[in-house]
Protein backbone atom coordinates (compact mmCIF):
# COMPACT_ATOMS: atom_id res chain seq x y z
CA MET A 1 -18.37 18.29 30.28
CA GLU A 2 -14.72 17.48 29.71
CA ASP A 3 -12.55 19.52 31.81
CA TYR A 4 -10.06 20.41 29.85
CA PRO A 5 -9.10 24.07 28.47
CA ARG A 6 -10.32 24.45 24.42
CA THR A 7 -8.33 27.78 23.45
CA LEU A 8 -4.56 28.43 23.70
CA SER A 9 -5.76 31.25 26.07
CA GLU A 10 -7.42 29.24 28.69
CA LEU A 11 -4.80 26.69 28.66
CA GLU A 12 -2.59 29.52 29.09
CA VAL A 13 -4.45 30.93 32.55
CA ARG A 14 -4.93 27.83 33.78
CA PHE A 15 -1.57 25.85 33.41
CA SER A 16 1.04 28.69 33.72
CA THR A 17 2.71 27.31 36.64
CA GLN A 18 4.08 23.90 37.61
CA GLU A 19 1.63 23.11 40.41
CA SER A 20 -1.25 24.06 38.48
CA CYS A 21 0.07 21.17 36.00
CA LEU A 22 1.26 18.99 38.70
CA SER A 23 -2.23 19.40 41.00
CA TYR A 24 -4.11 18.50 37.18
CA LEU A 25 -2.43 15.71 37.29
CA ALA A 26 -2.63 14.30 40.70
CA MET A 27 -6.38 14.56 39.69
CA LEU A 28 -6.16 12.57 37.20
CA ARG A 29 -4.15 9.39 39.07
CA TRP A 30 -6.29 9.89 41.89
CA PRO A 31 -9.90 11.18 40.91
CA ASP A 32 -11.12 10.18 44.74
CA GLY A 33 -8.01 12.01 46.70
CA PHE A 34 -4.96 10.04 47.25
CA ILE A 35 -4.61 6.33 48.13
CA CYS A 36 -1.16 5.04 49.49
CA PRO A 37 -0.13 1.98 46.75
CA GLN A 38 1.38 0.10 49.28
CA CYS A 39 -1.44 0.27 52.23
CA GLY A 40 -4.13 2.12 51.35
CA CYS A 41 -4.01 5.00 53.59
CA THR A 42 -5.40 8.14 52.33
CA ARG A 43 -3.50 10.41 54.57
CA TYR A 44 -0.19 12.17 53.58
CA TRP A 45 2.16 14.60 53.11
CA LYS A 46 3.01 16.90 50.08
CA ALA A 47 6.11 18.36 48.31
CA ARG A 48 5.59 18.65 44.56
CA ALA A 49 5.32 15.90 42.35
CA MET A 50 5.93 13.67 45.69
CA TYR A 51 3.33 12.41 47.97
CA GLU A 52 4.52 10.43 51.18
CA CYS A 53 1.96 8.59 52.87
CA THR A 54 2.00 9.26 56.27
CA SER A 55 1.17 5.46 57.62
CA CYS A 56 4.24 3.15 55.59
CA SER A 57 6.16 6.19 54.28
CA ARG A 58 5.71 4.89 51.13
CA GLN A 59 6.79 8.23 48.75
CA THR A 60 4.99 7.78 44.86
CA SER A 61 5.33 10.74 42.85
CA VAL A 62 2.88 12.46 40.20
CA ILE A 63 4.86 11.51 37.65
CA ALA A 64 5.82 8.19 37.88
CA GLY A 65 5.01 6.07 35.60
CA THR A 66 3.21 8.84 33.02
CA ILE A 67 5.86 10.14 29.89
CA PHE A 68 6.72 12.85 32.09
CA GLN A 69 8.56 10.86 34.46
CA ASN A 70 12.86 11.33 34.45
CA THR A 71 11.76 14.66 32.15
CA ARG A 72 13.90 18.16 32.44
CA LEU A 73 11.46 19.87 30.46
CA PRO A 74 9.23 22.38 33.14
CA LEU A 75 5.53 20.73 32.55
CA THR A 76 4.11 23.19 31.43
CA VAL A 77 5.86 23.13 28.51
CA TRP A 78 4.88 19.24 28.22
CA PHE A 79 1.16 20.81 28.26
CA ARG A 80 1.56 23.54 26.27
CA ILE A 81 3.06 20.56 23.59
CA VAL A 82 -0.21 18.22 23.98
CA TRP A 83 -2.73 20.65 23.42
CA TRP A 84 -0.87 21.59 19.92
CA VAL A 85 -0.44 17.68 18.74
CA THR A 86 -4.74 17.30 19.82
CA THR A 87 -5.80 20.41 18.22
CA GLN A 88 -3.92 20.79 15.17
CA LYS A 89 -5.86 19.68 11.94
CA ASN A 90 -3.19 19.60 9.99
CA GLY A 91 -0.75 17.76 12.44
CA THR A 92 2.27 18.94 14.26
CA SER A 93 6.04 18.34 13.16
CA ALA A 94 8.67 18.60 15.63
CA LEU A 95 10.00 21.67 13.49
CA GLY A 96 6.59 23.48 13.53
CA LEU A 97 7.01 23.14 17.61
CA LYS A 98 10.52 24.23 17.89
CA ARG A 99 9.09 27.45 16.11
CA ILE A 100 6.00 27.80 18.24
CA LEU A 101 7.48 27.23 21.47
CA GLY A 102 11.08 27.84 21.41
CA ILE A 103 12.72 24.65 22.28
CA THR A 104 15.04 22.70 20.04
CA TYR A 105 14.44 20.02 17.27
CA LYS A 106 15.67 17.64 19.53
CA THR A 107 13.38 18.47 22.28
CA ALA A 108 10.77 18.50 19.78
CA TRP A 109 11.52 15.51 18.44
CA THR A 110 11.45 13.52 21.65
CA CYS A 111 8.52 15.05 23.14
CA LEU A 112 6.63 13.77 19.77
CA HIS A 113 8.19 10.35 19.93
CA LYS A 114 7.23 9.40 23.83
CA LEU A 115 3.54 10.82 22.76
CA ARG A 116 3.25 8.84 20.21
CA ARG A 117 3.69 5.68 21.98
CA ALA A 118 1.85 7.03 24.48
CA MET A 119 -1.18 7.52 22.25
CA VAL A 120 -1.26 4.01 20.83
CA ARG A 121 -3.57 1.46 23.65
CA LEU A 122 -1.86 -1.64 23.57
CA GLY A 123 -4.42 -4.57 23.29
CA ARG A 124 -6.89 -2.57 21.45
CA GLU A 125 -10.08 -4.68 19.22
CA LYS A 126 -9.45 -5.09 16.25
CA LEU A 127 -11.76 -3.41 12.95
CA SER A 128 -14.64 -5.35 12.35
CA GLY A 129 -17.41 -5.45 10.10
CA ARG A 130 -17.13 -3.25 7.00
CA ILE A 131 -13.62 -1.99 6.27
CA GLU A 132 -12.18 0.14 3.55
CA VAL A 133 -8.45 -0.33 3.23
CA ASP A 134 -6.39 1.67 0.78
CA GLU A 135 -3.13 3.10 0.75
CA ALA A 136 -1.96 6.98 1.06
CA TYR A 137 0.95 8.04 -0.07
CA VAL A 138 1.78 11.62 1.93
CA GLY A 139 4.65 13.99 1.24
CA GLY A 140 4.97 17.12 -1.86
CA LEU A 141 4.64 17.04 -5.62
CA GLU A 142 6.61 14.77 -7.21
CA GLU A 143 6.54 15.42 -10.71
CA GLU A 144 8.98 12.54 -11.91
CA SER A 145 6.79 9.72 -9.99
CA ARG A 146 3.65 7.54 -11.07
CA GLY A 147 1.12 5.83 -10.04
CA ARG A 148 1.99 3.76 -6.62
CA LYS A 149 5.96 4.49 -7.44
CA THR A 150 7.24 7.47 -5.44
CA ILE A 151 10.83 8.90 -4.59
CA SER A 152 10.70 10.08 -1.28
CA LYS A 153 7.43 10.04 -0.43
CA ALA A 154 5.99 8.23 2.56
CA LEU A 155 3.67 5.38 1.83
CA LEU A 156 0.62 4.41 4.11
CA ALA A 157 -1.81 1.37 4.94
CA VAL A 158 -5.11 2.93 5.45
CA ALA A 159 -8.13 0.75 7.65
CA ALA A 160 -11.89 2.28 8.12
CA GLU A 161 -14.54 0.84 9.46
CA GLU A 162 -17.70 1.76 7.64
CA ASP A 163 -20.18 3.78 10.17
CA GLY A 164 -23.21 4.32 8.26
CA LYS A 165 -22.80 7.07 5.97
CA GLY A 166 -19.70 8.14 8.04
CA ILE A 167 -16.03 6.68 9.21
CA GLY A 168 -15.82 4.70 12.26
CA ARG A 169 -12.26 3.63 14.41
CA ILE A 170 -9.60 3.64 12.18
CA ARG A 171 -5.81 2.47 11.51
CA ILE A 172 -3.14 3.57 9.97
CA GLN A 173 0.17 1.93 9.23
CA ARG A 174 3.07 3.16 7.44
CA ILE A 175 4.95 0.46 5.01
CA PRO A 176 7.35 0.05 2.95
CA ASP A 177 5.61 -0.65 -0.40
CA ALA A 178 2.08 -1.54 -1.56
CA SER A 179 2.75 -5.07 -2.27
CA GLY A 180 1.32 -7.83 -0.75
CA ASP A 181 3.80 -8.81 1.27
CA SER A 182 3.10 -5.70 3.34
CA LEU A 183 -0.59 -4.90 2.45
CA ILE A 184 -1.82 -8.38 3.54
CA PRO A 185 -0.05 -8.63 7.04
CA PHE A 186 -1.40 -4.78 7.75
CA VAL A 187 -4.87 -6.42 7.49
CA VAL A 188 -4.34 -9.21 9.22
CA THR A 189 -2.74 -7.25 12.15
CA ASN A 190 -5.65 -4.97 12.51
CA ILE A 191 -8.91 -6.58 11.44
CA GLU A 192 -10.78 -9.41 12.36
CA LYS A 193 -11.00 -12.48 10.59
CA GLY A 194 -14.19 -13.12 9.14
CA SER A 195 -14.95 -8.87 8.45
CA MET A 196 -15.69 -7.56 4.54
CA VAL A 197 -12.45 -6.04 3.29
CA HIS A 198 -13.52 -3.32 0.90
CA THR A 199 -10.64 -2.24 -2.06
CA ASP A 200 -9.64 -1.09 -5.11
CA GLY A 201 -8.21 -3.48 -7.73
CA TRP A 202 -4.55 -3.39 -7.15
CA SER A 203 -2.98 -7.09 -7.27
CA GLY A 204 -1.31 -6.21 -3.41
CA TYR A 205 -5.32 -7.12 -2.20
CA GLN A 206 -5.52 -10.57 -4.21
CA GLU A 207 -4.55 -13.03 -0.82
CA ILE A 208 -6.90 -11.31 1.29
CA GLU A 209 -9.81 -14.29 1.13
CA LYS A 210 -7.20 -16.30 1.45
CA ASN A 211 -6.28 -15.04 5.46
CA GLY A 212 -9.52 -15.62 6.09
CA PHE A 213 -11.45 -12.59 5.17
CA LEU A 214 -14.13 -11.88 2.84
CA HIS A 215 -12.82 -9.54 -0.06
CA GLU A 216 -15.12 -7.08 -1.85
CA ARG A 217 -12.87 -5.37 -4.62
CA SER A 218 -13.66 -2.15 -6.45
CA VAL A 219 -11.49 -1.37 -9.29
CA LEU A 220 -11.92 2.69 -9.68
CA LYS A 221 -10.53 5.59 -11.67
CA HIS A 222 -9.20 6.69 -7.86
CA SER A 223 -8.59 5.09 -4.79
CA THR A 224 -11.18 3.86 -2.48
CA LYS A 225 -13.71 6.66 -1.97
CA ARG A 226 -13.62 6.65 2.18
CA ALA A 227 -9.91 6.20 2.67
CA HIS A 228 -9.08 9.32 0.69
CA GLU A 229 -12.35 10.90 3.14
CA LEU A 230 -9.84 10.13 6.14
CA LEU A 231 -6.82 12.21 4.31
CA PRO A 232 -7.41 15.07 6.96
CA ARG A 233 -7.32 12.81 9.83
CA VAL A 234 -4.38 10.69 8.12
CA HIS A 235 -2.18 13.45 7.97
CA LEU A 236 -2.48 14.20 11.78
CA VAL A 237 -1.59 10.95 12.49
CA ILE A 238 1.15 11.52 10.12
CA SER A 239 2.79 14.23 11.73
CA LEU A 240 2.97 12.05 14.75
CA LEU A 241 5.08 9.21 12.70
CA ILE A 242 7.37 11.36 10.71
CA PRO A 243 9.60 14.17 11.94
């Protein structure tokens, strides 16, 4: 079972002090106990976040190389931010964190920005198999806009692997417009060549086959079904992309 609080009350009890947060991070960093990165010794002197090897005197910080490095914000606050971001179905904005945790908007925005970068795994595998691709606008109702035109909404490209009747891995990226110049690079970057890409009849997808993909088009009255099944998960990611 995952060793992490499932409720806010559990979080408050377990990570109520800086030391408890540091101990948890040390457990993640050295699950089998401390090992000096320089000489491999397992004996050390400990001073809060710093571990000093008794053999070579190399000092290693628990938070070095993490999003917590050089932060002035207490880890107790950081842990609450991480918990809120990963548990809210509708996402968390910087303004929301400011109100909930009593921190400044600048601090909340900076923390979310660091988390956005940390949550993207570099070199991750591209989607493959049969992939649904669509676009989705996020924002309030705009009475003066129609179709794929918008005044102030954010436009996202969404790709989702079919997994039986469910949804597998997804990729979401903010794009400037719904033209082929924006949509095709999104497909090429996130989907393996030779995969079946399923879209609606929008003209922005016309060049998909020319870029090494199989292409199935369904002209629907509404946008592609699976992409819209993703909207709850899209909104969660949006909260990380947009302040």
